Amino acid sequence: MKKCMVVSIILCGLLAFGSSAWSLTINGTTDVGIADTLIGSAALPDSGAATELAWVQTFFPGATVNVTTTTASVDWTQTSLAGTYAFKLSDNPGDFFIKIGTGSLGSDVDHFMFTNNPDTGYAVVALSDLNITNSTHFDVGRISHVGEVGGTSVPEPSMLMLFGSGLLGLAFFGRKILGK
């Protein structure tokens, strides 16, 4: 009984580290997850495939990177949060980048790298991350192309703790059943 109580306390302690999740929706029906995390931006003098690949590889040193570029217009849709838009990605990538035309944005930065929310196949972008402060001036025609960066997603630390506690529980009960 005492061991069961200790295991219960430990499990409750591990669950306390779990974070709450919230999500954004498109038209109140399609769950697109949370806004993706901007991990870097750059003003690339040449937006050719080789230049973009070299820039993307700076985020993943020593790893083989596969980039799939979509030049066709994507269907940007406003989410339930003002100033945040989403569009469907084709390959459910771990990361993606967006190349925009600079023009009247007042900045030379034209490439933006995001870590994708691994639970969805949507890119969810806050316009403020693209240096667009007024969503009424958002023009999807300014998006030159989107690059999807293939790779495996890294599990969250709380998920690893939960998995580890499950393995410990299995080992504990397996040992108890075998009588060792």
N, C-alpha and C. Protein backbone atom coordinates (compact mmCIF):
# COMPACT_ATOMS: atom_id res chain seq x y z
N MET A 1 0.82 -1.19 0.00
CA MET A 1 0.00 0.00 0.00
C MET A 1 0.87 1.26 0.00
N LYS A 2 1.96 1.20 0.78
CA LYS A 2 2.85 2.35 0.88
C LYS A 2 3.52 2.62 -0.48
N LYS A 3 3.93 1.55 -1.19
CA LYS A 3 4.56 1.71 -2.50
C LYS A 3 3.57 2.32 -3.50
N CYS A 4 2.33 1.89 -3.42
CA CYS A 4 1.30 2.42 -4.32
C CYS A 4 1.11 3.92 -4.08
N MET A 5 1.14 4.32 -2.82
CA MET A 5 0.98 5.72 -2.48
C MET A 5 2.17 6.54 -3.00
N VAL A 6 3.37 6.01 -2.87
CA VAL A 6 4.58 6.69 -3.36
C VAL A 6 4.53 6.83 -4.87
N VAL A 7 4.12 5.76 -5.57
CA VAL A 7 4.02 5.81 -7.02
C VAL A 7 2.98 6.84 -7.44
N SER A 8 1.86 6.89 -6.74
CA SER A 8 0.81 7.87 -7.05
C SER A 8 1.31 9.30 -6.87
N ILE A 9 2.05 9.54 -5.81
CA ILE A 9 2.59 10.89 -5.57
C ILE A 9 3.59 11.26 -6.66
N ILE A 10 4.43 10.34 -7.04
CA ILE A 10 5.42 10.60 -8.10
C ILE A 10 4.71 10.87 -9.42
N LEU A 11 3.68 10.08 -9.74
CA LEU A 11 2.95 10.28 -10.98
C LEU A 11 2.26 11.65 -10.99
N CYS A 12 1.67 12.04 -9.88
CA CYS A 12 1.04 13.36 -9.79
C CYS A 12 2.08 14.47 -9.96
N GLY A 13 3.26 14.26 -9.40
CA GLY A 13 4.34 15.23 -9.57
C GLY A 13 4.76 15.36 -11.01
N LEU A 14 4.84 14.24 -11.74
CA LEU A 14 5.22 14.28 -13.15
C LEU A 14 4.14 14.96 -13.99
N LEU A 15 2.90 14.70 -13.68
CA LEU A 15 1.81 15.32 -14.43
C LEU A 15 1.74 16.82 -14.19
N ALA A 16 2.24 17.27 -13.05
CA ALA A 16 2.25 18.70 -12.76
C ALA A 16 3.15 19.47 -13.73
N PHE A 17 4.14 18.77 -14.33
CA PHE A 17 5.03 19.43 -15.26
C PHE A 17 4.43 19.54 -16.65
N GLY A 18 3.33 18.85 -16.91
CA GLY A 18 2.67 18.95 -18.21
C GLY A 18 2.11 20.35 -18.40
N SER A 19 2.16 20.83 -19.61
CA SER A 19 1.65 22.18 -19.87
C SER A 19 0.28 22.10 -20.51
N SER A 20 -0.50 23.12 -20.28
CA SER A 20 -1.82 23.17 -20.90
C SER A 20 -1.65 23.59 -22.35
N ALA A 21 -2.56 23.16 -23.19
CA ALA A 21 -2.49 23.48 -24.60
C ALA A 21 -3.73 24.25 -25.01
N TRP A 22 -3.57 25.12 -25.98
CA TRP A 22 -4.70 25.82 -26.55
C TRP A 22 -4.50 25.80 -28.05
N SER A 23 -5.55 26.01 -28.77
CA SER A 23 -5.40 25.95 -30.21
C SER A 23 -6.22 27.05 -30.87
N LEU A 24 -5.84 27.33 -32.09
CA LEU A 24 -6.56 28.29 -32.91
C LEU A 24 -7.40 27.52 -33.91
N THR A 25 -8.46 28.13 -34.38
CA THR A 25 -9.32 27.47 -35.35
C THR A 25 -9.50 28.35 -36.57
N ILE A 26 -9.81 27.70 -37.68
CA ILE A 26 -10.17 28.40 -38.91
C ILE A 26 -11.68 28.27 -39.04
N ASN A 27 -12.36 29.40 -39.15
CA ASN A 27 -13.82 29.45 -39.28
C ASN A 27 -14.52 28.71 -38.14
N GLY A 28 -13.87 28.60 -37.00
CA GLY A 28 -14.47 27.96 -35.84
C GLY A 28 -14.60 26.46 -35.94
N THR A 29 -14.08 25.85 -37.01
CA THR A 29 -14.26 24.41 -37.18
C THR A 29 -12.95 23.63 -37.28
N THR A 30 -11.98 24.15 -38.01
CA THR A 30 -10.74 23.42 -38.24
C THR A 30 -9.70 23.81 -37.21
N ASP A 31 -9.25 22.87 -36.41
CA ASP A 31 -8.23 23.11 -35.40
C ASP A 31 -6.88 23.12 -36.08
N VAL A 32 -6.14 24.23 -35.96
CA VAL A 32 -4.84 24.35 -36.61
C VAL A 32 -3.68 24.41 -35.62
N GLY A 33 -3.94 24.15 -34.36
CA GLY A 33 -2.88 24.16 -33.36
C GLY A 33 -2.57 25.57 -32.90
N ILE A 34 -1.38 25.76 -32.41
CA ILE A 34 -0.95 27.06 -31.90
C ILE A 34 -0.06 27.74 -32.92
N ALA A 35 0.19 29.02 -32.73
CA ALA A 35 1.07 29.75 -33.64
C ALA A 35 2.47 29.14 -33.61
N ASP A 36 3.03 28.94 -34.78
CA ASP A 36 4.36 28.34 -34.88
C ASP A 36 5.43 29.32 -34.43
N THR A 37 6.55 28.78 -34.00
CA THR A 37 7.62 29.56 -33.40
C THR A 37 8.60 30.04 -34.45
N LEU A 38 8.81 31.36 -34.51
CA LEU A 38 9.81 31.93 -35.40
C LEU A 38 11.19 31.64 -34.79
N ILE A 39 12.05 30.97 -35.56
CA ILE A 39 13.39 30.65 -35.02
C ILE A 39 14.49 31.43 -35.71
N GLY A 40 14.17 32.16 -36.77
CA GLY A 40 15.20 32.96 -37.41
C GLY A 40 14.68 33.66 -38.65
N SER A 41 15.39 34.69 -39.03
CA SER A 41 15.03 35.43 -40.24
C SER A 41 16.31 35.96 -40.86
N ALA A 42 16.23 36.29 -42.14
CA ALA A 42 17.42 36.78 -42.82
C ALA A 42 17.03 37.57 -44.06
N ALA A 43 17.94 38.41 -44.48
CA ALA A 43 17.82 39.10 -45.76
C ALA A 43 18.81 38.43 -46.70
N LEU A 44 18.31 37.54 -47.53
CA LEU A 44 19.19 36.82 -48.44
C LEU A 44 19.33 37.60 -49.75
N PRO A 45 20.56 37.83 -50.18
CA PRO A 45 20.76 38.61 -51.40
C PRO A 45 20.27 37.88 -52.65
N ASP A 46 20.26 36.56 -52.58
CA ASP A 46 19.83 35.75 -53.71
C ASP A 46 18.91 34.68 -53.15
N SER A 47 17.70 34.61 -53.63
CA SER A 47 16.78 33.62 -53.08
C SER A 47 16.74 32.35 -53.93
N GLY A 48 17.86 32.04 -54.55
CA GLY A 48 17.95 30.81 -55.31
C GLY A 48 17.94 29.60 -54.38
N ALA A 49 17.68 28.44 -54.94
CA ALA A 49 17.56 27.22 -54.15
C ALA A 49 18.83 26.91 -53.35
N ALA A 50 20.00 27.12 -53.92
CA ALA A 50 21.25 26.82 -53.22
C ALA A 50 21.45 27.76 -52.03
N THR A 51 21.16 29.04 -52.21
CA THR A 51 21.29 30.02 -51.13
C THR A 51 20.33 29.70 -50.00
N GLU A 52 19.09 29.38 -50.36
CA GLU A 52 18.10 29.06 -49.33
C GLU A 52 18.47 27.79 -48.58
N LEU A 53 18.95 26.78 -49.29
CA LEU A 53 19.36 25.53 -48.65
C LEU A 53 20.52 25.79 -47.68
N ALA A 54 21.49 26.59 -48.07
CA ALA A 54 22.61 26.91 -47.19
C ALA A 54 22.11 27.64 -45.94
N TRP A 55 21.15 28.55 -46.10
CA TRP A 55 20.59 29.27 -44.95
C TRP A 55 19.83 28.31 -44.03
N VAL A 56 19.03 27.43 -44.60
CA VAL A 56 18.27 26.46 -43.80
C VAL A 56 19.23 25.55 -43.03
N GLN A 57 20.33 25.15 -43.64
CA GLN A 57 21.29 24.25 -42.98
C GLN A 57 21.96 24.90 -41.77
N THR A 58 21.96 26.23 -41.69
CA THR A 58 22.54 26.88 -40.51
C THR A 58 21.72 26.58 -39.25
N PHE A 59 20.45 26.21 -39.43
CA PHE A 59 19.60 25.87 -38.29
C PHE A 59 19.76 24.41 -37.87
N PHE A 60 20.31 23.58 -38.74
CA PHE A 60 20.46 22.15 -38.49
C PHE A 60 21.89 21.71 -38.81
N PRO A 61 22.89 22.19 -38.06
CA PRO A 61 24.28 21.87 -38.39
C PRO A 61 24.54 20.36 -38.31
N GLY A 62 25.19 19.86 -39.33
CA GLY A 62 25.57 18.45 -39.36
C GLY A 62 24.47 17.52 -39.81
N ALA A 63 23.28 18.01 -40.04
CA ALA A 63 22.17 17.16 -40.46
C ALA A 63 21.93 17.28 -41.95
N THR A 64 21.42 16.22 -42.55
CA THR A 64 21.02 16.27 -43.95
C THR A 64 19.64 16.90 -44.00
N VAL A 65 19.51 17.94 -44.79
CA VAL A 65 18.27 18.69 -44.85
C VAL A 65 17.63 18.53 -46.22
N ASN A 66 16.35 18.21 -46.22
CA ASN A 66 15.58 18.15 -47.45
C ASN A 66 14.58 19.30 -47.44
N VAL A 67 14.58 20.08 -48.52
CA VAL A 67 13.66 21.22 -48.62
C VAL A 67 12.76 21.01 -49.82
N THR A 68 11.47 21.10 -49.60
CA THR A 68 10.49 21.07 -50.68
C THR A 68 9.90 22.46 -50.78
N THR A 69 10.05 23.09 -51.96
CA THR A 69 9.58 24.46 -52.13
C THR A 69 8.27 24.46 -52.91
N THR A 70 7.30 25.19 -52.38
CA THR A 70 6.01 25.35 -53.04
C THR A 70 5.94 26.77 -53.56
N THR A 71 5.92 26.92 -54.88
CA THR A 71 5.85 28.25 -55.46
C THR A 71 4.42 28.65 -55.78
N ALA A 72 3.54 27.68 -55.83
CA ALA A 72 2.14 28.00 -56.09
C ALA A 72 1.56 28.76 -54.90
N SER A 73 0.57 29.57 -55.16
CA SER A 73 -0.02 30.33 -54.06
C SER A 73 -0.69 29.38 -53.07
N VAL A 74 -0.52 29.67 -51.81
CA VAL A 74 -1.13 28.86 -50.77
C VAL A 74 -2.39 29.57 -50.29
N ASP A 75 -3.29 28.82 -49.73
CA ASP A 75 -4.58 29.35 -49.30
C ASP A 75 -4.48 29.83 -47.86
N TRP A 76 -4.09 31.10 -47.66
CA TRP A 76 -3.99 31.70 -46.34
C TRP A 76 -5.38 32.00 -45.82
N THR A 77 -5.65 31.58 -44.59
CA THR A 77 -6.95 31.84 -43.97
C THR A 77 -6.72 32.40 -42.58
N GLN A 78 -7.47 33.43 -42.23
CA GLN A 78 -7.32 34.01 -40.89
C GLN A 78 -7.85 33.03 -39.85
N THR A 79 -7.12 32.93 -38.74
CA THR A 79 -7.53 32.04 -37.65
C THR A 79 -8.43 32.81 -36.67
N SER A 80 -8.76 32.14 -35.58
CA SER A 80 -9.61 32.77 -34.57
C SER A 80 -8.89 33.86 -33.80
N LEU A 81 -7.57 33.99 -33.97
CA LEU A 81 -6.79 35.04 -33.31
C LEU A 81 -6.44 36.11 -34.35
N ALA A 82 -6.82 37.35 -34.09
CA ALA A 82 -6.56 38.44 -35.03
C ALA A 82 -5.06 38.54 -35.33
N GLY A 83 -4.74 38.76 -36.59
CA GLY A 83 -3.35 38.92 -37.00
C GLY A 83 -2.60 37.61 -37.15
N THR A 84 -3.31 36.49 -37.09
CA THR A 84 -2.68 35.17 -37.24
C THR A 84 -3.37 34.43 -38.37
N TYR A 85 -2.58 33.93 -39.31
CA TYR A 85 -3.11 33.25 -40.48
C TYR A 85 -2.54 31.83 -40.54
N ALA A 86 -3.25 30.96 -41.23
CA ALA A 86 -2.80 29.57 -41.36
C ALA A 86 -3.01 29.09 -42.80
N PHE A 87 -2.21 28.12 -43.19
CA PHE A 87 -2.41 27.44 -44.46
C PHE A 87 -1.94 26.00 -44.33
N LYS A 88 -2.49 25.15 -45.15
CA LYS A 88 -2.20 23.72 -45.11
C LYS A 88 -0.84 23.45 -45.74
N LEU A 89 -0.03 22.65 -45.04
CA LEU A 89 1.26 22.23 -45.58
C LEU A 89 1.08 20.85 -46.22
N SER A 90 1.90 20.55 -47.20
CA SER A 90 1.70 19.29 -47.92
C SER A 90 2.36 18.09 -47.26
N ASP A 91 3.49 18.28 -46.56
CA ASP A 91 4.23 17.12 -46.05
C ASP A 91 4.31 17.02 -44.53
N ASN A 92 3.55 17.81 -43.79
CA ASN A 92 3.64 17.83 -42.32
C ASN A 92 5.09 17.96 -41.84
N PRO A 93 5.79 19.01 -42.27
CA PRO A 93 7.22 19.13 -41.93
C PRO A 93 7.44 19.56 -40.49
N GLY A 94 8.63 19.31 -39.99
CA GLY A 94 9.00 19.76 -38.66
C GLY A 94 9.29 21.26 -38.65
N ASP A 95 9.72 21.80 -39.78
CA ASP A 95 10.05 23.21 -39.91
C ASP A 95 9.65 23.68 -41.30
N PHE A 96 9.50 24.98 -41.45
CA PHE A 96 9.20 25.55 -42.75
C PHE A 96 9.71 26.98 -42.78
N PHE A 97 9.91 27.51 -43.99
CA PHE A 97 10.27 28.92 -44.12
C PHE A 97 9.36 29.58 -45.13
N ILE A 98 9.25 30.90 -44.97
CA ILE A 98 8.42 31.71 -45.85
C ILE A 98 9.32 32.79 -46.45
N LYS A 99 9.21 32.97 -47.76
CA LYS A 99 9.96 34.03 -48.44
C LYS A 99 8.92 35.05 -48.90
N ILE A 100 9.10 36.29 -48.47
CA ILE A 100 8.18 37.35 -48.87
C ILE A 100 8.93 38.43 -49.63
N GLY A 101 8.20 39.21 -50.39
CA GLY A 101 8.77 40.39 -51.02
C GLY A 101 8.86 41.49 -49.98
N THR A 102 9.95 42.23 -49.97
CA THR A 102 10.14 43.24 -48.91
C THR A 102 9.35 44.50 -49.19
N GLY A 103 9.48 45.10 -50.33
CA GLY A 103 8.72 46.27 -50.72
C GLY A 103 8.51 47.30 -49.62
N SER A 104 7.25 47.52 -49.26
CA SER A 104 6.91 48.58 -48.31
C SER A 104 6.93 48.12 -46.86
N LEU A 105 7.49 46.97 -46.57
CA LEU A 105 7.54 46.50 -45.19
C LEU A 105 8.53 47.29 -44.35
N GLY A 106 9.41 48.02 -45.00
CA GLY A 106 10.38 48.83 -44.25
C GLY A 106 11.54 48.02 -43.72
N SER A 107 11.75 46.84 -44.25
CA SER A 107 12.83 45.99 -43.78
C SER A 107 13.36 45.19 -44.96
N ASP A 108 14.64 44.85 -44.90
CA ASP A 108 15.21 44.02 -45.96
C ASP A 108 15.04 42.54 -45.67
N VAL A 109 14.57 42.19 -44.49
CA VAL A 109 14.40 40.79 -44.12
C VAL A 109 13.30 40.19 -44.99
N ASP A 110 13.62 39.09 -45.67
CA ASP A 110 12.65 38.50 -46.57
C ASP A 110 12.45 37.00 -46.37
N HIS A 111 13.25 36.36 -45.55
CA HIS A 111 13.12 34.92 -45.27
C HIS A 111 12.88 34.72 -43.77
N PHE A 112 11.89 33.90 -43.46
CA PHE A 112 11.52 33.65 -42.07
C PHE A 112 11.41 32.15 -41.84
N MET A 113 12.17 31.62 -40.88
CA MET A 113 12.18 30.19 -40.56
C MET A 113 11.34 29.94 -39.31
N PHE A 114 10.46 28.95 -39.39
CA PHE A 114 9.58 28.60 -38.28
C PHE A 114 9.74 27.13 -37.91
N THR A 115 9.58 26.85 -36.61
CA THR A 115 9.43 25.47 -36.15
C THR A 115 7.94 25.20 -36.16
N ASN A 116 7.56 24.14 -36.82
CA ASN A 116 6.15 23.83 -36.97
C ASN A 116 5.62 23.11 -35.74
N ASN A 117 4.36 23.38 -35.40
CA ASN A 117 3.69 22.64 -34.35
C ASN A 117 3.51 21.22 -34.89
N PRO A 118 4.16 20.23 -34.29
CA PRO A 118 4.16 18.88 -34.88
C PRO A 118 2.81 18.17 -34.85
N ASP A 119 1.82 18.73 -34.17
CA ASP A 119 0.53 18.06 -34.09
C ASP A 119 -0.34 18.30 -35.32
N THR A 120 0.00 19.25 -36.15
CA THR A 120 -0.87 19.56 -37.29
C THR A 120 -0.08 19.65 -38.58
N GLY A 121 -0.79 19.66 -39.65
CA GLY A 121 -0.19 19.85 -40.96
C GLY A 121 -0.38 21.26 -41.46
N TYR A 122 -0.57 22.20 -40.53
CA TYR A 122 -0.78 23.59 -40.89
C TYR A 122 0.40 24.46 -40.47
N ALA A 123 0.68 25.47 -41.28
CA ALA A 123 1.59 26.54 -40.88
C ALA A 123 0.71 27.61 -40.26
N VAL A 124 1.00 27.98 -39.03
CA VAL A 124 0.21 29.00 -38.34
C VAL A 124 1.17 30.14 -38.01
N VAL A 125 0.95 31.29 -38.64
CA VAL A 125 1.91 32.38 -38.59
C VAL A 125 1.25 33.66 -38.08
N ALA A 126 1.90 34.26 -37.09
CA ALA A 126 1.49 35.59 -36.63
C ALA A 126 2.13 36.60 -37.56
N LEU A 127 1.33 37.50 -38.10
CA LEU A 127 1.86 38.49 -39.06
C LEU A 127 2.95 39.35 -38.45
N SER A 128 2.90 39.55 -37.14
CA SER A 128 3.94 40.35 -36.49
C SER A 128 5.31 39.68 -36.64
N ASP A 129 5.35 38.36 -36.77
CA ASP A 129 6.62 37.67 -37.00
C ASP A 129 7.19 37.97 -38.38
N LEU A 130 6.32 38.34 -39.32
CA LEU A 130 6.76 38.68 -40.67
C LEU A 130 6.96 40.19 -40.84
N ASN A 131 7.05 40.91 -39.72
CA ASN A 131 7.18 42.37 -39.73
C ASN A 131 5.98 43.06 -40.35
N ILE A 132 4.83 42.43 -40.31
CA ILE A 132 3.60 43.03 -40.80
C ILE A 132 2.79 43.42 -39.58
N THR A 133 2.69 44.71 -39.32
CA THR A 133 2.04 45.16 -38.09
C THR A 133 0.56 45.47 -38.28
N ASN A 134 0.12 45.64 -39.50
CA ASN A 134 -1.28 45.96 -39.74
C ASN A 134 -1.86 44.91 -40.68
N SER A 135 -2.71 44.06 -40.15
CA SER A 135 -3.22 42.94 -40.95
C SER A 135 -4.13 43.41 -42.10
N THR A 136 -4.60 44.64 -42.06
CA THR A 136 -5.41 45.12 -43.19
C THR A 136 -4.54 45.32 -44.42
N HIS A 137 -3.23 45.43 -44.25
CA HIS A 137 -2.32 45.57 -45.38
C HIS A 137 -1.72 44.23 -45.81
N PHE A 138 -2.20 43.13 -45.21
CA PHE A 138 -1.65 41.82 -45.56
C PHE A 138 -2.12 41.41 -46.94
N ASP A 139 -1.19 41.13 -47.80
CA ASP A 139 -1.50 40.71 -49.15
C ASP A 139 -0.77 39.39 -49.39
N VAL A 140 -1.53 38.32 -49.58
CA VAL A 140 -0.90 37.01 -49.76
C VAL A 140 -0.08 36.97 -51.03
N GLY A 141 -0.30 37.91 -51.94
CA GLY A 141 0.51 37.97 -53.14
C GLY A 141 1.96 38.33 -52.84
N ARG A 142 2.23 38.86 -51.63
CA ARG A 142 3.60 39.19 -51.25
C ARG A 142 4.41 37.95 -50.91
N ILE A 143 3.74 36.82 -50.68
CA ILE A 143 4.43 35.58 -50.36
C ILE A 143 4.98 35.01 -51.66
N SER A 144 6.29 34.96 -51.76
CA SER A 144 6.92 34.43 -52.95
C SER A 144 6.82 32.91 -52.99
N HIS A 145 7.26 32.27 -51.90
CA HIS A 145 7.16 30.82 -51.81
C HIS A 145 7.35 30.34 -50.38
N VAL A 146 7.01 29.10 -50.17
CA VAL A 146 7.12 28.45 -48.87
C VAL A 146 7.99 27.22 -49.05
N GLY A 147 8.94 27.05 -48.14
CA GLY A 147 9.80 25.87 -48.18
C GLY A 147 9.53 25.00 -46.96
N GLU A 148 9.24 23.73 -47.20
CA GLU A 148 9.01 22.79 -46.11
C GLU A 148 10.29 22.01 -45.87
N VAL A 149 10.72 21.99 -44.61
CA VAL A 149 11.98 21.34 -44.25
C VAL A 149 11.65 20.01 -43.59
N GLY A 150 12.01 18.93 -44.25
CA GLY A 150 11.74 17.60 -43.72
C GLY A 150 12.61 17.28 -42.54
N GLY A 151 12.18 16.35 -41.76
CA GLY A 151 12.95 15.96 -40.59
C GLY A 151 12.04 15.35 -39.55
N THR A 152 12.66 14.82 -38.53
CA THR A 152 11.87 14.21 -37.46
C THR A 152 11.67 15.22 -36.36
N SER A 153 10.50 15.17 -35.76
CA SER A 153 10.22 16.08 -34.67
C SER A 153 10.82 15.56 -33.37
N VAL A 154 11.18 16.47 -32.50
CA VAL A 154 11.77 16.11 -31.21
C VAL A 154 10.66 16.11 -30.18
N PRO A 155 10.52 15.01 -29.41
CA PRO A 155 9.44 14.98 -28.41
C PRO A 155 9.67 15.99 -27.30
N GLU A 156 8.57 16.47 -26.73
CA GLU A 156 8.65 17.43 -25.64
C GLU A 156 9.17 16.75 -24.38
N PRO A 157 9.89 17.47 -23.53
CA PRO A 157 10.43 16.88 -22.30
C PRO A 157 9.35 16.28 -21.39
N SER A 158 8.20 16.92 -21.30
CA SER A 158 7.14 16.37 -20.44
C SER A 158 6.64 15.04 -21.00
N MET A 159 6.63 14.91 -22.32
CA MET A 159 6.21 13.65 -22.93
C MET A 159 7.23 12.56 -22.64
N LEU A 160 8.50 12.92 -22.66
CA LEU A 160 9.54 11.94 -22.34
C LEU A 160 9.46 11.50 -20.88
N MET A 161 9.14 12.44 -19.98
CA MET A 161 8.98 12.08 -18.56
C MET A 161 7.80 11.15 -18.37
N LEU A 162 6.71 11.40 -19.07
CA LEU A 162 5.54 10.55 -18.96
C LEU A 162 5.84 9.16 -19.51
N PHE A 163 6.53 9.10 -20.63
CA PHE A 163 6.92 7.81 -21.21
C PHE A 163 7.86 7.05 -20.26
N GLY A 164 8.83 7.75 -19.69
CA GLY A 164 9.76 7.12 -18.75
C GLY A 164 9.06 6.61 -17.51
N SER A 165 8.10 7.38 -16.99
CA SER A 165 7.38 6.92 -15.80
C SER A 165 6.53 5.70 -16.13
N GLY A 166 6.02 5.62 -17.34
CA GLY A 166 5.27 4.43 -17.76
C GLY A 166 6.16 3.21 -17.82
N LEU A 167 7.37 3.39 -18.34
CA LEU A 167 8.32 2.27 -18.38
C LEU A 167 8.71 1.82 -16.98
N LEU A 168 8.93 2.78 -16.08
CA LEU A 168 9.24 2.43 -14.69
C LEU A 168 8.08 1.68 -14.04
N GLY A 169 6.87 2.12 -14.31
CA GLY A 169 5.69 1.44 -13.78
C GLY A 169 5.58 0.02 -14.29
N LEU A 170 5.83 -0.16 -15.60
CA LEU A 170 5.80 -1.52 -16.15
C LEU A 170 6.87 -2.40 -15.53
N ALA A 171 8.05 -1.85 -15.34
CA ALA A 171 9.13 -2.62 -14.71
C ALA A 171 8.77 -2.98 -13.28
N PHE A 172 8.19 -2.05 -12.54
CA PHE A 172 7.81 -2.28 -11.15
C PHE A 172 6.76 -3.38 -11.04
N PHE A 173 5.69 -3.26 -11.84
CA PHE A 173 4.63 -4.25 -11.78
C PHE A 173 5.07 -5.58 -12.37
N GLY A 174 5.91 -5.57 -13.40
CA GLY A 174 6.44 -6.83 -13.94
C GLY A 174 7.27 -7.56 -12.92
N ARG A 175 8.05 -6.82 -12.19
CA ARG A 175 8.88 -7.43 -11.15
C ARG A 175 8.00 -8.01 -10.03
N LYS A 176 6.92 -7.30 -9.71
CA LYS A 176 6.01 -7.74 -8.65
C LYS A 176 5.28 -9.02 -9.08
N ILE A 177 4.87 -9.06 -10.34
CA ILE A 177 4.15 -10.25 -10.85
C ILE A 177 5.06 -11.47 -10.90
N LEU A 178 6.30 -11.28 -11.29
CA LEU A 178 7.26 -12.39 -11.39
C LEU A 178 7.78 -12.79 -10.03
N GLY A 179 7.47 -12.00 -9.00
CA GLY A 179 7.89 -12.35 -7.66
C GLY A 179 9.35 -12.14 -7.37
N LYS A 180 9.97 -11.23 -8.06
CA LYS A 180 11.40 -10.97 -7.83
C LYS A 180 11.59 -9.69 -7.12
